[in-house]
Structures are given as C-alpha cells and as structure tokens.
Amino acid sequence: MRELTVKIKYNNDTADFNAFDIQCALTSLFGINTDFKVEEIKPQKRKENRVGIAFAAECIVSDEKNFNFTTVSSNLSSQGIKILSRSFLAPKQKLKLNLNLIDKIAKIQTQVIWCDKINGSQDYYAGLKFVELAEEDKEDLRRFLNQ
C-alpha cells in the first residue's frame, strides 16, 4: 500500500504529514467518534490553467423554460468557466453565456459539465465548457486572460 504524504506550506516554511498524522490531528480537534476519512485528491487534467477572477455574466438557459439569470464567475479559462447558480443546472444542458470582457461582450455557447451544491448554502457551483465561440471572441478572451 502506498503512503499518502501531504506537504503543507505556510509563509516560507513547509512540513510533510502522512495520513495517520492528519487523522490524529482531526480526532484531537473533533473528537474520537467523529466519522471522517483522509483521501488523496487526484490532480485535475485541464488543458489550460484557470484564472481566479470574479465578474458578472448573463446566462440564457435554452430549454422549454427559456429563462435568463445573471451570475458571478469563480474562475475562467479559454476553454470554460465556473459560475455560481441559484438553481441546479443539469449536466449536458446547453446555456448561452454573455461574458463581459470589459470592452466587449462575448457571446458563447456552453455546456454544463458538472453542478454541485455549495456546502452550507442553497446555491450551486457549475462548470461550463465552451462549445461554440466565434474566432474573434476567442482572441478577445485570450487577450482578456493575459491582462
């Protein structure tokens, strides 16, 4: 069995902890009868890094309801965006996204990849993949991300 080691960095100091150290610390904090387990988080396989940026975006849900909502982004790349939503968005659902790039509004067709409820909230985070984006909008988005 492979040993899981976690590296924690604080200021300029680092320390390594194994899973047993973490379980002991959590038991000490939360009590002996606390039900938890330590799991390894696999690195995400993204084609591009996402930029942590919060700004308003308008979503148009194109289904039988055909409704609009304004939302806030959590992060953005040239391939997709993570948004906040008041309601559950079904995976594979299509959305039109009007993305404010300061000097231009990019109109992007997206597809919901995932949607998870935020702990302790009634809201959801959703990951949207860009599926249709005009070449001019792609270039404007790259410029925006490089600023």
N, C-alpha and C. Protein backbone atom coordinates (compact mmCIF):
# COMPACT_ATOMS: atom_id res chain seq x y z
N MET A 1 0.84 -1.18 0.00
CA MET A 1 0.00 0.00 0.00
C MET A 1 0.88 1.24 0.00
N ARG A 2 0.55 2.20 -0.82
CA ARG A 2 1.30 3.44 -0.95
C ARG A 2 0.96 4.39 0.18
N GLU A 3 1.96 5.06 0.72
CA GLU A 3 1.76 6.02 1.82
C GLU A 3 1.43 7.39 1.24
N LEU A 4 0.36 7.98 1.71
CA LEU A 4 -0.03 9.32 1.28
C LEU A 4 0.69 10.34 2.15
N THR A 5 1.40 11.26 1.52
CA THR A 5 2.08 12.33 2.24
C THR A 5 1.54 13.66 1.74
N VAL A 6 1.27 14.56 2.68
CA VAL A 6 0.74 15.87 2.36
C VAL A 6 1.80 16.90 2.73
N LYS A 7 2.06 17.82 1.81
CA LYS A 7 3.00 18.91 2.08
C LYS A 7 2.18 20.16 2.38
N ILE A 8 2.42 20.77 3.53
CA ILE A 8 1.72 22.00 3.90
C ILE A 8 2.75 23.11 3.94
N LYS A 9 2.42 24.19 3.23
CA LYS A 9 3.32 25.34 3.17
C LYS A 9 2.64 26.51 3.86
N TYR A 10 3.35 27.16 4.77
CA TYR A 10 2.84 28.34 5.46
C TYR A 10 3.97 29.35 5.49
N ASN A 11 3.71 30.55 4.96
CA ASN A 11 4.76 31.55 4.75
C ASN A 11 5.87 30.89 3.94
N ASN A 12 7.08 30.83 4.44
CA ASN A 12 8.17 30.20 3.69
C ASN A 12 8.58 28.86 4.28
N ASP A 13 7.81 28.34 5.23
CA ASP A 13 8.12 27.05 5.85
C ASP A 13 7.22 25.97 5.26
N THR A 14 7.75 24.76 5.16
CA THR A 14 6.95 23.63 4.72
C THR A 14 7.12 22.47 5.70
N ALA A 15 6.11 21.63 5.75
CA ALA A 15 6.17 20.43 6.59
C ALA A 15 5.42 19.32 5.88
N ASP A 16 5.91 18.10 6.03
CA ASP A 16 5.26 16.93 5.44
C ASP A 16 4.51 16.17 6.51
N PHE A 17 3.30 15.72 6.18
CA PHE A 17 2.48 14.95 7.10
C PHE A 17 1.97 13.72 6.36
N ASN A 18 1.86 12.59 7.07
CA ASN A 18 1.26 11.42 6.45
C ASN A 18 -0.21 11.35 6.88
N ALA A 19 -0.95 10.41 6.30
CA ALA A 19 -2.39 10.30 6.57
C ALA A 19 -2.66 10.05 8.05
N PHE A 20 -1.82 9.25 8.72
CA PHE A 20 -2.00 8.97 10.14
C PHE A 20 -1.88 10.25 10.97
N ASP A 21 -0.89 11.11 10.66
CA ASP A 21 -0.73 12.39 11.36
C ASP A 21 -2.00 13.24 11.22
N ILE A 22 -2.56 13.27 10.01
CA ILE A 22 -3.74 14.08 9.75
C ILE A 22 -4.95 13.53 10.51
N GLN A 23 -5.12 12.20 10.50
CA GLN A 23 -6.23 11.59 11.24
C GLN A 23 -6.11 11.87 12.73
N CYS A 24 -4.90 11.79 13.29
CA CYS A 24 -4.69 12.08 14.73
C CYS A 24 -5.05 13.53 15.04
N ALA A 25 -4.64 14.45 14.18
CA ALA A 25 -4.94 15.87 14.40
C ALA A 25 -6.44 16.12 14.33
N LEU A 26 -7.13 15.53 13.35
CA LEU A 26 -8.56 15.72 13.22
C LEU A 26 -9.32 15.10 14.39
N THR A 27 -8.89 13.93 14.84
CA THR A 27 -9.51 13.29 16.00
C THR A 27 -9.35 14.16 17.24
N SER A 28 -8.17 14.75 17.38
CA SER A 28 -7.92 15.65 18.51
C SER A 28 -8.83 16.87 18.45
N LEU A 29 -9.05 17.39 17.26
CA LEU A 29 -9.88 18.58 17.10
C LEU A 29 -11.37 18.29 17.24
N PHE A 30 -11.84 17.20 16.63
CA PHE A 30 -13.28 16.96 16.52
C PHE A 30 -13.81 15.84 17.41
N GLY A 31 -12.94 15.08 18.04
CA GLY A 31 -13.38 14.01 18.95
C GLY A 31 -13.17 12.64 18.36
N ILE A 32 -13.08 11.68 19.26
CA ILE A 32 -12.75 10.31 18.89
C ILE A 32 -13.83 9.64 18.04
N ASN A 33 -15.09 10.01 18.21
CA ASN A 33 -16.20 9.36 17.49
C ASN A 33 -16.56 10.05 16.18
N THR A 34 -15.74 11.00 15.76
CA THR A 34 -16.01 11.71 14.51
C THR A 34 -15.75 10.79 13.33
N ASP A 35 -16.71 10.75 12.40
CA ASP A 35 -16.59 9.89 11.22
C ASP A 35 -16.00 10.69 10.07
N PHE A 36 -14.77 10.39 9.71
CA PHE A 36 -14.12 11.03 8.57
C PHE A 36 -13.08 10.08 8.03
N LYS A 37 -12.66 10.35 6.80
CA LYS A 37 -11.54 9.60 6.25
C LYS A 37 -10.70 10.54 5.41
N VAL A 38 -9.43 10.22 5.29
CA VAL A 38 -8.49 11.02 4.52
C VAL A 38 -8.33 10.35 3.16
N GLU A 39 -8.54 11.13 2.09
CA GLU A 39 -8.40 10.60 0.75
C GLU A 39 -7.45 11.47 -0.05
N GLU A 40 -6.77 10.85 -0.97
CA GLU A 40 -5.87 11.57 -1.86
C GLU A 40 -6.70 12.28 -2.92
N ILE A 41 -6.37 13.52 -3.21
CA ILE A 41 -7.04 14.27 -4.27
C ILE A 41 -6.18 14.16 -5.51
N LYS A 42 -6.77 13.65 -6.56
CA LYS A 42 -6.04 13.49 -7.82
C LYS A 42 -5.92 14.84 -8.52
N PRO A 43 -4.78 15.10 -9.14
CA PRO A 43 -4.64 16.36 -9.89
C PRO A 43 -5.61 16.40 -11.07
N GLN A 44 -6.15 17.59 -11.33
CA GLN A 44 -7.08 17.73 -12.44
C GLN A 44 -6.32 17.75 -13.76
N LYS A 45 -6.95 17.23 -14.79
CA LYS A 45 -6.32 17.14 -16.09
C LYS A 45 -6.87 18.21 -17.01
N ARG A 46 -6.55 19.44 -16.75
CA ARG A 46 -7.03 20.54 -17.57
C ARG A 46 -6.03 20.82 -18.69
N LYS A 47 -6.56 21.23 -19.83
CA LYS A 47 -5.70 21.61 -20.94
C LYS A 47 -5.03 22.95 -20.66
N GLU A 48 -5.75 23.82 -19.95
CA GLU A 48 -5.22 25.15 -19.64
C GLU A 48 -5.53 25.50 -18.19
N ASN A 49 -4.67 26.31 -17.61
CA ASN A 49 -4.92 26.79 -16.24
C ASN A 49 -6.09 27.75 -16.24
N ARG A 50 -6.80 27.77 -15.12
CA ARG A 50 -7.89 28.71 -14.95
C ARG A 50 -7.41 29.90 -14.14
N VAL A 51 -7.96 31.06 -14.45
CA VAL A 51 -7.63 32.29 -13.74
C VAL A 51 -8.75 32.57 -12.75
N GLY A 52 -8.39 32.72 -11.46
CA GLY A 52 -9.38 33.03 -10.44
C GLY A 52 -9.82 34.48 -10.60
N ILE A 53 -11.00 34.67 -11.12
CA ILE A 53 -11.49 36.02 -11.38
C ILE A 53 -13.01 36.03 -11.19
N ALA A 54 -13.50 37.03 -10.50
CA ALA A 54 -14.94 37.12 -10.24
C ALA A 54 -15.51 38.32 -10.99
N PHE A 55 -16.51 38.07 -11.82
CA PHE A 55 -17.19 39.14 -12.54
C PHE A 55 -18.56 38.65 -12.97
N ALA A 56 -19.41 39.57 -13.32
CA ALA A 56 -20.79 39.23 -13.70
C ALA A 56 -20.85 38.64 -15.11
N ALA A 57 -21.78 37.71 -15.28
CA ALA A 57 -22.05 37.13 -16.60
C ALA A 57 -23.55 36.85 -16.67
N GLU A 58 -24.10 36.94 -17.88
CA GLU A 58 -25.52 36.64 -18.06
C GLU A 58 -25.65 35.28 -18.72
N CYS A 59 -26.50 34.42 -18.16
CA CYS A 59 -26.75 33.09 -18.73
C CYS A 59 -28.17 33.04 -19.27
N ILE A 60 -28.32 32.43 -20.43
CA ILE A 60 -29.62 32.22 -21.01
C ILE A 60 -29.79 30.71 -21.16
N VAL A 61 -30.74 30.16 -20.44
CA VAL A 61 -31.00 28.72 -20.49
C VAL A 61 -31.94 28.47 -21.65
N SER A 62 -31.47 27.72 -22.63
CA SER A 62 -32.29 27.49 -23.82
C SER A 62 -32.93 26.10 -23.75
N ASP A 63 -33.98 26.02 -22.99
CA ASP A 63 -34.79 24.80 -22.94
C ASP A 63 -36.25 25.23 -22.96
N GLU A 64 -37.14 24.37 -22.54
CA GLU A 64 -38.57 24.72 -22.58
C GLU A 64 -38.92 25.91 -21.70
N LYS A 65 -38.14 26.18 -20.65
CA LYS A 65 -38.42 27.31 -19.76
C LYS A 65 -37.91 28.62 -20.34
N ASN A 66 -36.78 28.55 -21.04
CA ASN A 66 -36.16 29.71 -21.70
C ASN A 66 -36.05 30.91 -20.76
N PHE A 67 -35.24 30.79 -19.69
CA PHE A 67 -35.10 31.88 -18.74
C PHE A 67 -33.65 32.38 -18.69
N ASN A 68 -33.50 33.60 -18.20
CA ASN A 68 -32.18 34.23 -18.07
C ASN A 68 -31.87 34.41 -16.60
N PHE A 69 -30.57 34.41 -16.27
CA PHE A 69 -30.15 34.80 -14.93
C PHE A 69 -28.77 35.41 -15.01
N THR A 70 -28.52 36.34 -14.11
CA THR A 70 -27.19 36.94 -14.00
C THR A 70 -26.45 36.22 -12.90
N THR A 71 -25.19 35.96 -13.14
CA THR A 71 -24.40 35.18 -12.20
C THR A 71 -23.02 35.81 -12.02
N VAL A 72 -22.22 35.17 -11.20
CA VAL A 72 -20.85 35.59 -10.96
C VAL A 72 -19.94 34.42 -11.28
N SER A 73 -18.84 34.71 -11.95
CA SER A 73 -17.87 33.66 -12.25
C SER A 73 -16.95 33.45 -11.04
N SER A 74 -16.38 32.28 -10.98
CA SER A 74 -15.40 31.97 -9.93
C SER A 74 -14.01 31.84 -10.53
N ASN A 75 -13.95 31.23 -11.71
CA ASN A 75 -12.69 31.17 -12.45
C ASN A 75 -12.99 31.01 -13.93
N LEU A 76 -11.97 31.25 -14.75
CA LEU A 76 -12.17 31.33 -16.18
C LEU A 76 -10.92 30.87 -16.91
N SER A 77 -11.11 30.18 -18.03
CA SER A 77 -10.01 29.86 -18.95
C SER A 77 -10.55 30.07 -20.37
N SER A 78 -9.73 29.83 -21.34
CA SER A 78 -10.21 29.97 -22.72
C SER A 78 -11.07 28.77 -23.12
N GLN A 79 -11.15 27.75 -22.26
CA GLN A 79 -11.93 26.55 -22.55
C GLN A 79 -13.25 26.47 -21.78
N GLY A 80 -13.34 27.22 -20.63
CA GLY A 80 -14.54 27.12 -19.82
C GLY A 80 -14.56 28.08 -18.65
N ILE A 81 -15.62 27.96 -17.84
CA ILE A 81 -15.83 28.89 -16.73
C ILE A 81 -16.56 28.17 -15.60
N LYS A 82 -16.29 28.58 -14.38
CA LYS A 82 -17.03 28.09 -13.21
C LYS A 82 -17.90 29.24 -12.74
N ILE A 83 -19.21 28.96 -12.58
CA ILE A 83 -20.16 30.01 -12.20
C ILE A 83 -20.94 29.63 -10.95
N LEU A 84 -21.56 30.62 -10.35
CA LEU A 84 -22.47 30.44 -9.23
C LEU A 84 -23.89 30.42 -9.79
N SER A 85 -24.72 29.52 -9.27
CA SER A 85 -26.10 29.43 -9.74
C SER A 85 -27.04 29.26 -8.55
N ARG A 86 -28.19 29.89 -8.60
CA ARG A 86 -29.21 29.74 -7.55
C ARG A 86 -29.94 28.41 -7.67
N SER A 87 -29.91 27.80 -8.87
CA SER A 87 -30.61 26.54 -9.06
C SER A 87 -29.68 25.51 -9.71
N PHE A 88 -30.06 24.25 -9.61
CA PHE A 88 -29.29 23.17 -10.19
C PHE A 88 -29.31 23.26 -11.70
N LEU A 89 -28.16 23.11 -12.32
CA LEU A 89 -28.05 23.07 -13.78
C LEU A 89 -27.65 21.65 -14.16
N ALA A 90 -28.46 21.01 -14.96
CA ALA A 90 -28.23 19.61 -15.31
C ALA A 90 -27.02 19.46 -16.24
N PRO A 91 -26.14 18.49 -15.94
CA PRO A 91 -25.04 18.21 -16.86
C PRO A 91 -25.55 17.93 -18.27
N LYS A 92 -24.80 18.40 -19.25
CA LYS A 92 -25.11 18.33 -20.69
C LYS A 92 -26.11 19.39 -21.14
N GLN A 93 -26.68 20.14 -20.18
CA GLN A 93 -27.60 21.23 -20.54
C GLN A 93 -26.83 22.32 -21.28
N LYS A 94 -27.45 22.90 -22.29
CA LYS A 94 -26.84 23.97 -23.09
C LYS A 94 -27.23 25.33 -22.50
N LEU A 95 -26.27 26.23 -22.44
CA LEU A 95 -26.50 27.60 -21.98
C LEU A 95 -25.84 28.56 -22.94
N LYS A 96 -26.48 29.69 -23.15
CA LYS A 96 -25.82 30.80 -23.86
C LYS A 96 -25.25 31.70 -22.77
N LEU A 97 -24.01 32.11 -22.93
CA LEU A 97 -23.34 32.93 -21.92
C LEU A 97 -22.90 34.23 -22.57
N ASN A 98 -23.33 35.35 -21.98
CA ASN A 98 -22.86 36.66 -22.41
C ASN A 98 -21.81 37.09 -21.40
N LEU A 99 -20.56 37.06 -21.83
CA LEU A 99 -19.42 37.28 -20.96
C LEU A 99 -18.87 38.68 -21.16
N ASN A 100 -18.87 39.49 -20.09
CA ASN A 100 -18.41 40.87 -20.18
C ASN A 100 -16.89 40.90 -20.10
N LEU A 101 -16.23 41.20 -21.22
CA LEU A 101 -14.77 41.29 -21.29
C LEU A 101 -14.30 42.75 -21.22
N ILE A 102 -14.99 43.56 -20.46
CA ILE A 102 -14.73 44.99 -20.24
C ILE A 102 -15.11 45.82 -21.45
N ASP A 103 -14.41 45.67 -22.57
CA ASP A 103 -14.69 46.49 -23.74
C ASP A 103 -15.56 45.79 -24.78
N LYS A 104 -15.99 44.55 -24.45
CA LYS A 104 -16.79 43.78 -25.40
C LYS A 104 -17.56 42.69 -24.66
N ILE A 105 -18.72 42.32 -25.17
CA ILE A 105 -19.48 41.20 -24.65
C ILE A 105 -19.27 40.02 -25.60
N ALA A 106 -18.68 38.94 -25.08
CA ALA A 106 -18.50 37.72 -25.88
C ALA A 106 -19.74 36.85 -25.70
N LYS A 107 -20.31 36.41 -26.81
CA LYS A 107 -21.48 35.53 -26.77
C LYS A 107 -20.99 34.11 -27.02
N ILE A 108 -21.16 33.25 -26.00
CA ILE A 108 -20.56 31.92 -26.03
C ILE A 108 -21.62 30.85 -25.78
N GLN A 109 -21.65 29.83 -26.61
CA GLN A 109 -22.48 28.65 -26.37
C GLN A 109 -21.70 27.74 -25.42
N THR A 110 -22.34 27.30 -24.34
CA THR A 110 -21.66 26.45 -23.36
C THR A 110 -22.48 25.19 -23.09
N GLN A 111 -21.82 24.26 -22.44
CA GLN A 111 -22.48 23.04 -21.98
C GLN A 111 -22.09 22.82 -20.52
N VAL A 112 -23.08 22.51 -19.69
CA VAL A 112 -22.81 22.22 -18.27
C VAL A 112 -22.09 20.88 -18.19
N ILE A 113 -20.94 20.87 -17.53
CA ILE A 113 -20.16 19.65 -17.35
C ILE A 113 -20.47 19.03 -15.99
N TRP A 114 -20.57 19.88 -14.97
CA TRP A 114 -20.89 19.41 -13.62
C TRP A 114 -21.60 20.52 -12.87
N CYS A 115 -22.33 20.15 -11.82
CA CYS A 115 -23.02 21.12 -10.96
C CYS A 115 -23.10 20.52 -9.56
N ASP A 116 -22.54 21.22 -8.56
CA ASP A 116 -22.51 20.74 -7.18
C ASP A 116 -23.07 21.78 -6.24
N LYS A 117 -23.83 21.32 -5.25
CA LYS A 117 -24.36 22.21 -4.22
C LYS A 117 -23.20 22.69 -3.35
N ILE A 118 -23.22 23.96 -2.96
CA ILE A 118 -22.20 24.53 -2.10
C ILE A 118 -22.55 24.17 -0.66
N ASN A 119 -21.58 23.61 0.08
CA ASN A 119 -21.82 23.24 1.48
C ASN A 119 -22.33 24.43 2.28
N GLY A 120 -23.41 24.22 3.04
CA GLY A 120 -23.96 25.26 3.90
C GLY A 120 -24.68 26.36 3.16
N SER A 121 -25.07 26.12 1.92
CA SER A 121 -25.72 27.15 1.11
C SER A 121 -26.84 26.52 0.29
N GLN A 122 -27.71 27.35 -0.22
CA GLN A 122 -28.76 26.90 -1.13
C GLN A 122 -28.30 26.99 -2.59
N ASP A 123 -27.10 27.56 -2.80
CA ASP A 123 -26.59 27.81 -4.15
C ASP A 123 -25.73 26.65 -4.66
N TYR A 124 -25.39 26.73 -5.95
CA TYR A 124 -24.61 25.70 -6.63
C TYR A 124 -23.44 26.36 -7.36
N TYR A 125 -22.36 25.59 -7.52
CA TYR A 125 -21.30 25.94 -8.46
C TYR A 125 -21.50 25.03 -9.67
N ALA A 126 -21.25 25.57 -10.86
CA ALA A 126 -21.37 24.77 -12.08
C ALA A 126 -20.15 25.04 -12.96
N GLY A 127 -19.64 23.98 -13.56
CA GLY A 127 -18.55 24.08 -14.52
C GLY A 127 -19.12 24.03 -15.93
N LEU A 128 -18.84 25.07 -16.71
CA LEU A 128 -19.34 25.15 -18.08
C LEU A 128 -18.17 25.04 -19.06
N LYS A 129 -18.36 24.25 -20.09
CA LYS A 129 -17.37 24.11 -21.15
C LYS A 129 -17.82 24.95 -22.35
N PHE A 130 -16.90 25.71 -22.92
CA PHE A 130 -17.22 26.49 -24.11
C PHE A 130 -17.29 25.52 -25.30
N VAL A 131 -18.43 25.49 -25.98
CA VAL A 131 -18.59 24.58 -27.12
C VAL A 131 -18.66 25.31 -28.45
N GLU A 132 -19.04 26.58 -28.41
CA GLU A 132 -19.12 27.35 -29.64
C GLU A 132 -18.73 28.79 -29.33
N LEU A 133 -17.66 29.24 -29.97
CA LEU A 133 -17.11 30.56 -29.69
C LEU A 133 -16.53 31.12 -30.98
N ALA A 134 -17.01 32.28 -31.40
CA ALA A 134 -16.51 32.90 -32.63
C ALA A 134 -15.01 33.16 -32.50
N GLU A 135 -14.31 33.08 -33.61
CA GLU A 135 -12.85 33.27 -33.61
C GLU A 135 -12.45 34.61 -33.01
N GLU A 136 -13.20 35.66 -33.33
CA GLU A 136 -12.93 37.00 -32.78
C GLU A 136 -13.10 37.00 -31.25
N ASP A 137 -14.14 36.31 -30.76
CA ASP A 137 -14.37 36.22 -29.32
C ASP A 137 -13.27 35.41 -28.63
N LYS A 138 -12.77 34.36 -29.31
CA LYS A 138 -11.65 33.58 -28.75
C LYS A 138 -10.44 34.47 -28.53
N GLU A 139 -10.15 35.28 -29.54
CA GLU A 139 -8.99 36.18 -29.45
C GLU A 139 -9.19 37.22 -28.35
N ASP A 140 -10.38 37.80 -28.26
CA ASP A 140 -10.68 38.77 -27.20
C ASP A 140 -10.56 38.13 -25.82
N LEU A 141 -11.02 36.90 -25.69
CA LEU A 141 -10.94 36.18 -24.41
C LEU A 141 -9.48 35.92 -24.04
N ARG A 142 -8.66 35.48 -25.00
CA ARG A 142 -7.22 35.26 -24.72
C ARG A 142 -6.55 36.56 -24.26
N ARG A 143 -6.86 37.66 -24.94
CA ARG A 143 -6.30 38.96 -24.57
C ARG A 143 -6.73 39.34 -23.15
N PHE A 144 -8.01 39.13 -22.84
CA PHE A 144 -8.55 39.43 -21.52
C PHE A 144 -7.84 38.62 -20.45
N LEU A 145 -7.63 37.34 -20.69
CA LEU A 145 -6.98 36.46 -19.71
C LEU A 145 -5.50 36.80 -19.52
N ASN A 146 -4.86 37.35 -20.53
CA ASN A 146 -3.44 37.68 -20.43
C ASN A 146 -3.17 39.05 -19.79
N GLN A 147 -4.23 39.81 -19.51
CA GLN A 147 -4.05 41.13 -18.89
C GLN A 147 -3.71 40.99 -17.43
